Protein backbone atom coordinates (compact mmCIF):
# COMPACT_ATOMS: atom_id res chain seq x y z
CA UNK A 1 21.04 -28.16 -5.69
CA UNK A 2 23.20 -25.20 -4.76
CA UNK A 3 24.26 -24.48 -1.23
CA UNK A 4 23.00 -21.37 0.57
CA UNK A 5 24.88 -18.20 -0.30
CA UNK A 6 26.49 -16.12 2.41
CA UNK A 7 27.12 -12.39 2.42
CA UNK A 8 30.74 -13.18 1.55
CA UNK A 9 29.47 -14.39 -1.84
CA UNK A 10 28.05 -10.95 -2.66
CA UNK A 11 30.18 -8.56 -4.70
CA UNK A 12 28.78 -5.05 -5.04
CA UNK A 13 29.37 -2.14 -7.37
CA UNK A 14 28.37 1.44 -8.04
CA UNK A 15 28.62 3.60 -11.13
CA UNK A 16 29.43 7.30 -11.26
CA UNK A 17 28.53 8.91 -14.59
CA UNK A 18 30.19 12.29 -15.01
CA UNK A 19 29.24 15.16 -17.29
CA UNK A 20 27.09 18.26 -17.59
CA UNK A 21 25.85 16.93 -20.94
CA UNK A 22 24.14 14.00 -19.19
CA UNK A 23 22.30 16.27 -16.77
CA UNK A 24 21.25 18.73 -19.46
CA UNK A 25 19.90 15.99 -21.70
CA UNK A 26 22.22 16.81 -24.60
CA UNK A 27 23.71 13.32 -24.27
CA UNK A 28 21.57 10.27 -23.58
CA UNK A 29 23.46 7.79 -21.41
CA UNK A 30 24.06 4.37 -22.97
CA UNK A 31 26.64 3.12 -20.51
CA UNK A 32 24.60 2.45 -17.37
CA UNK A 33 22.44 -0.27 -18.90
CA UNK A 34 25.40 -1.89 -20.64
CA UNK A 35 27.40 -2.06 -17.41
CA UNK A 36 24.40 -3.32 -15.44
CA UNK A 37 23.83 -6.17 -17.89
CA UNK A 38 27.44 -7.32 -17.84
CA UNK A 39 27.82 -7.05 -14.06
CA UNK A 40 24.67 -9.09 -13.54
CA UNK A 41 26.04 -11.82 -15.80
CA UNK A 42 29.27 -11.72 -13.75
CA UNK A 43 27.48 -12.10 -10.42
CA UNK A 44 28.21 -8.52 -9.33
CA UNK A 45 25.35 -6.47 -7.88
CA UNK A 46 25.13 -2.92 -9.24
CA UNK A 47 23.61 -1.25 -6.17
CA UNK A 48 23.79 2.45 -6.95
CA UNK A 49 24.23 4.86 -9.87
CA UNK A 50 24.96 8.56 -9.53
CA UNK A 51 25.22 11.23 -12.21
CA UNK A 52 27.25 14.32 -11.33
CA UNK A 53 28.22 17.50 -13.13
CA UNK A 54 31.69 18.55 -14.22
CA UNK A 55 32.43 20.03 -10.79
CA UNK A 56 35.54 18.71 -9.09
CA UNK A 57 34.23 18.87 -5.52
CA UNK A 58 31.01 17.09 -6.50
CA UNK A 59 32.96 14.29 -8.19
CA UNK A 60 35.30 13.92 -5.21
CA UNK A 61 32.42 13.80 -2.73
CA UNK A 62 30.46 11.22 -4.70
CA UNK A 63 33.50 9.07 -5.43
CA UNK A 64 34.66 8.94 -1.83
CA UNK A 65 31.18 7.98 -0.66
CA UNK A 66 30.81 5.20 -3.23
CA UNK A 67 34.28 3.68 -2.97
CA UNK A 68 33.91 3.33 0.79
CA UNK A 69 30.60 1.52 0.45
CA UNK A 70 30.97 -0.89 -2.48
CA UNK A 71 33.43 -3.50 -3.71
CA UNK A 72 33.96 -1.70 -7.02
CA UNK A 73 33.20 1.74 -8.44
CA UNK A 74 33.06 2.40 -12.18
CA UNK A 75 33.13 5.90 -13.61
CA UNK A 76 32.36 7.09 -17.13
CA UNK A 77 33.19 10.39 -18.77
CA UNK A 78 35.53 13.29 -18.27
CA UNK A 79 38.88 11.85 -19.37
CA UNK A 80 39.08 13.54 -22.77
CA UNK A 81 41.24 16.42 -24.08
CA UNK A 82 39.07 19.45 -23.27
CA UNK A 83 39.19 21.86 -20.33
CA UNK A 84 36.07 20.40 -18.71
CA UNK A 85 37.45 16.86 -18.68
CA UNK A 86 38.42 16.93 -15.02
CA UNK A 87 37.80 13.36 -13.88
CA UNK A 88 41.51 12.54 -13.58
CA UNK A 89 42.05 15.60 -11.39
CA UNK A 90 39.04 14.79 -9.21
CA UNK A 91 40.01 11.13 -8.74
CA UNK A 92 43.56 12.17 -7.84
CA UNK A 93 42.18 14.60 -5.27
CA UNK A 94 39.88 11.92 -3.83
CA UNK A 95 42.87 9.60 -3.30
CA UNK A 96 45.20 12.38 -2.17
CA UNK A 97 47.84 11.81 -4.87
CA UNK A 98 49.25 14.00 -7.66
CA UNK A 99 47.69 13.93 -11.12
CA UNK A 100 50.51 13.32 -13.60
CA UNK A 101 51.13 12.83 -17.30
CA UNK A 102 51.74 9.10 -16.95
CA UNK A 103 54.84 8.14 -19.00
CA UNK A 104 53.52 4.98 -20.63
CA UNK A 105 50.25 6.69 -21.58
CA UNK A 106 52.25 9.56 -23.07
CA UNK A 107 54.28 7.07 -25.12
CA UNK A 108 51.22 5.23 -26.41
CA UNK A 109 49.48 8.42 -27.43
CA UNK A 110 52.57 9.98 -28.97
CA UNK A 111 53.09 6.89 -31.14
CA UNK A 112 49.45 6.80 -32.17
CA UNK A 113 49.41 10.46 -33.26
CA UNK A 114 52.72 9.99 -35.06
CA UNK A 115 51.26 7.10 -37.07
CA UNK A 116 48.30 9.30 -37.96
CA UNK A 117 50.64 12.17 -38.85
CA UNK A 118 48.92 14.44 -36.35
CA UNK A 119 50.44 16.80 -33.82
CA UNK A 120 50.51 15.55 -30.23
CA UNK A 121 49.18 18.80 -28.84
CA UNK A 122 48.95 19.89 -25.23
CA UNK A 123 45.20 19.23 -25.31
CA UNK A 124 45.74 15.68 -26.54
CA UNK A 125 48.39 15.12 -23.90
CA UNK A 126 45.67 15.70 -21.29
CA UNK A 127 44.39 12.22 -22.13
CA UNK A 128 47.57 10.77 -20.59
CA UNK A 129 46.85 12.33 -17.19
CA UNK A 130 45.95 10.06 -14.30
CA UNK A 131 46.64 9.69 -10.56
CA UNK A 132 50.19 8.79 -9.71
CA UNK A 133 50.42 5.03 -9.21
CA UNK A 134 47.31 4.20 -11.24
CA UNK A 135 47.26 1.21 -13.58
CA UNK A 136 46.03 1.36 -17.18
CA UNK A 137 42.75 0.12 -18.59
CA UNK A 138 43.59 -0.63 -22.24
CA UNK A 139 41.63 1.21 -24.93
CA UNK A 140 41.67 -0.78 -28.19
CA UNK A 141 39.41 1.76 -29.91
CA UNK A 142 41.23 5.09 -29.59
CA UNK A 143 44.40 4.26 -27.57
CA UNK A 144 43.93 6.77 -24.68
CA UNK A 145 43.78 4.50 -21.61
CA UNK A 146 41.42 4.54 -18.71
CA UNK A 147 42.88 3.80 -15.31
CA UNK A 148 42.46 1.89 -12.07
CA UNK A 149 43.28 3.17 -8.61
CA UNK A 150 42.18 1.35 -5.49
CA UNK A 151 38.73 -0.11 -6.20
CA UNK A 152 37.89 2.62 -8.73
CA UNK A 153 37.80 1.97 -12.49
CA UNK A 154 37.86 5.17 -14.55
CA UNK A 155 36.64 4.86 -18.12
CA UNK A 156 35.67 7.00 -21.09
CA UNK A 157 32.15 8.27 -21.65
CA UNK A 158 31.99 7.49 -25.39
CA UNK A 159 29.90 4.28 -25.47
CA UNK A 160 32.08 2.37 -27.93
CA UNK A 161 35.21 3.12 -25.90
CA UNK A 162 33.47 2.52 -22.55
CA UNK A 163 32.28 -0.89 -23.71
CA UNK A 164 35.74 -1.88 -24.92
CA UNK A 165 37.25 -0.85 -21.59
CA UNK A 166 34.61 -2.80 -19.66
CA UNK A 167 35.44 -5.88 -21.73
CA UNK A 168 39.06 -5.54 -20.62
CA UNK A 169 38.15 -5.00 -16.98
CA UNK A 170 35.56 -7.73 -16.39
CA UNK A 171 37.90 -10.74 -16.48
CA UNK A 172 39.97 -9.18 -13.67
CA UNK A 173 37.08 -8.70 -11.23
CA UNK A 174 36.04 -10.92 -8.37
CA UNK A 175 32.72 -12.57 -9.18
CA UNK A 176 29.97 -13.15 -6.68
CA UNK A 177 27.34 -15.85 -6.54
CA UNK A 178 25.17 -15.64 -9.64
CA UNK A 179 21.60 -14.42 -9.26
CA UNK A 180 19.09 -17.01 -10.48
CA UNK A 181 15.69 -15.91 -11.75
CA UNK A 182 12.31 -17.34 -12.68
CA UNK A 183 9.64 -15.44 -14.61
CA UNK A 184 6.00 -16.33 -13.87
CA UNK A 185 3.09 -15.02 -15.95
CA UNK A 186 0.20 -13.70 -13.89
CA UNK A 187 -3.15 -12.87 -15.56
CA UNK A 188 -4.05 -10.27 -12.93
CA UNK A 189 -3.08 -6.67 -12.40
CA UNK A 190 -1.08 -5.39 -9.46
CA UNK A 191 -4.23 -4.19 -7.71
CA UNK A 192 -5.45 -7.78 -7.46
CA UNK A 193 -2.19 -9.32 -6.32
CA UNK A 194 -0.45 -6.59 -4.29
CA UNK A 195 -1.41 -7.70 -0.78
CA UNK A 196 -0.95 -11.42 -1.40
CA UNK A 197 2.35 -10.88 -3.20
CA UNK A 198 3.61 -8.82 -0.27
CA UNK A 199 2.85 -11.75 2.02
CA UNK A 200 4.77 -14.13 -0.24
CA UNK A 201 7.76 -11.81 -0.28
CA UNK A 202 7.67 -11.53 3.52
CA UNK A 203 7.61 -15.32 3.82
CA UNK A 204 10.64 -15.64 1.53
CA UNK A 205 13.01 -12.90 2.70
CA UNK A 206 16.09 -14.30 0.95
CA UNK A 207 14.50 -13.79 -2.43
CA UNK A 208 13.52 -10.70 -4.39
CA UNK A 209 10.18 -10.70 -6.18
CA UNK A 210 9.69 -8.09 -8.88
CA UNK A 211 6.27 -7.14 -10.26
CA UNK A 212 6.10 -5.76 -13.81
CA UNK A 213 2.64 -4.65 -14.99
CA UNK A 214 1.71 -5.00 -18.65
CA UNK A 215 -1.27 -3.95 -20.75
CA UNK A 216 -2.21 -5.93 -23.83
CA UNK A 217 -4.82 -3.49 -25.14
CA UNK A 218 -7.71 -5.15 -23.37
CA UNK A 219 -6.65 -5.86 -19.80
CA UNK A 220 -3.80 -5.54 -17.35
CA UNK A 221 -1.67 -8.50 -16.44
CA UNK A 222 1.65 -8.88 -14.63
CA UNK A 223 4.98 -10.59 -15.07
CA UNK A 224 6.37 -11.71 -11.74
CA UNK A 225 10.11 -12.37 -11.54
CA UNK A 226 11.56 -14.24 -8.57
CA UNK A 227 15.29 -13.80 -7.97
CA UNK A 228 17.60 -15.56 -5.51
CA UNK A 229 21.15 -16.83 -5.21
CA UNK A 230 20.05 -20.19 -3.85
CA UNK A 231 18.18 -22.58 -6.16
CA UNK A 232 16.09 -24.16 -3.39
CA UNK A 233 14.95 -20.78 -2.06
CA UNK A 234 14.14 -19.67 -5.60
CA UNK A 235 12.05 -22.77 -6.21
CA UNK A 236 10.17 -22.41 -2.91
CA UNK A 237 9.30 -18.78 -3.61
CA UNK A 238 8.28 -19.55 -7.20
CA UNK A 239 5.96 -22.30 -5.97
CA UNK A 240 4.44 -19.90 -3.47
CA UNK A 241 3.84 -17.32 -6.20
CA UNK A 242 2.19 -19.95 -8.42
CA UNK A 243 -0.01 -21.05 -5.54
CA UNK A 244 -0.94 -17.44 -4.84
CA UNK A 245 -2.11 -16.97 -8.43
CA UNK A 246 -4.20 -20.14 -8.21
CA UNK A 247 -5.79 -18.96 -4.94
CA UNK A 248 -6.70 -15.60 -6.48
CA UNK A 249 -8.27 -17.39 -9.43
CA UNK A 250 -10.34 -19.57 -7.12
CA UNK A 251 -11.38 -16.54 -5.09
CA UNK A 252 -12.57 -14.74 -8.20
CA UNK A 253 -14.56 -17.78 -9.32
CA UNK A 254 -16.14 -18.09 -5.87
CA UNK A 255 -17.04 -14.42 -5.81
CA UNK A 256 -18.45 -14.34 -9.35
CA UNK A 257 -18.82 -17.79 -10.92
CA UNK A 258 -19.79 -16.31 -14.31
CA UNK A 259 -16.82 -13.91 -14.49
CA UNK A 260 -13.94 -14.47 -16.85
CA UNK A 261 -11.00 -15.02 -14.50
């Protein structure tokens, strides 16, 4: 049996997705779900996601709010070679440091373009820009690094590159207590269980009980998922949910003995 988790066991995160193309619908985000899955497995709670346009002041405002509130902030997008890739500038402004062509990033990119027999143009050199003092996030896909400054991890928006960068970052992060979960099938719809389920949740405040309605073509039913960081609290809440379902079944039989519960 695990011991109770304290607030010191909780590691939190936020994600800031950057780009006009996300808000216009031209690009469908694939990074939020990927990051959420991996953070959950690592015991890190993704608490907030924001999507902002390619406006420097908007990025700065959102980033400063998030980095002050959460253990980690992850950004995606806006570190490419075009004029509207302004994430490096905005992050530098948020931290109050110059945005520079970082020497090691310049070297890596110059060597890569030389191998490919391509010109290392001014536009391509933009991908070496980052806040002064930032550390690299390696990019095994296309070389141009992301970067880390403070508790902020700045990564590319291209899903394949973003995922590779996340893989490099995750082993370096502090992990929190893992969230345990138990799924319980419920044959009733949310209208039948809402009040009783609310009472169960109130009686077990250190758990989170999710209700996910489903329709099988004939009737509604619900999947109930109990989550907690402490195994004993999880088990107690799950038992209460199971008992609640049994009580509803008995109530339906008592009300209409001939009904199909």
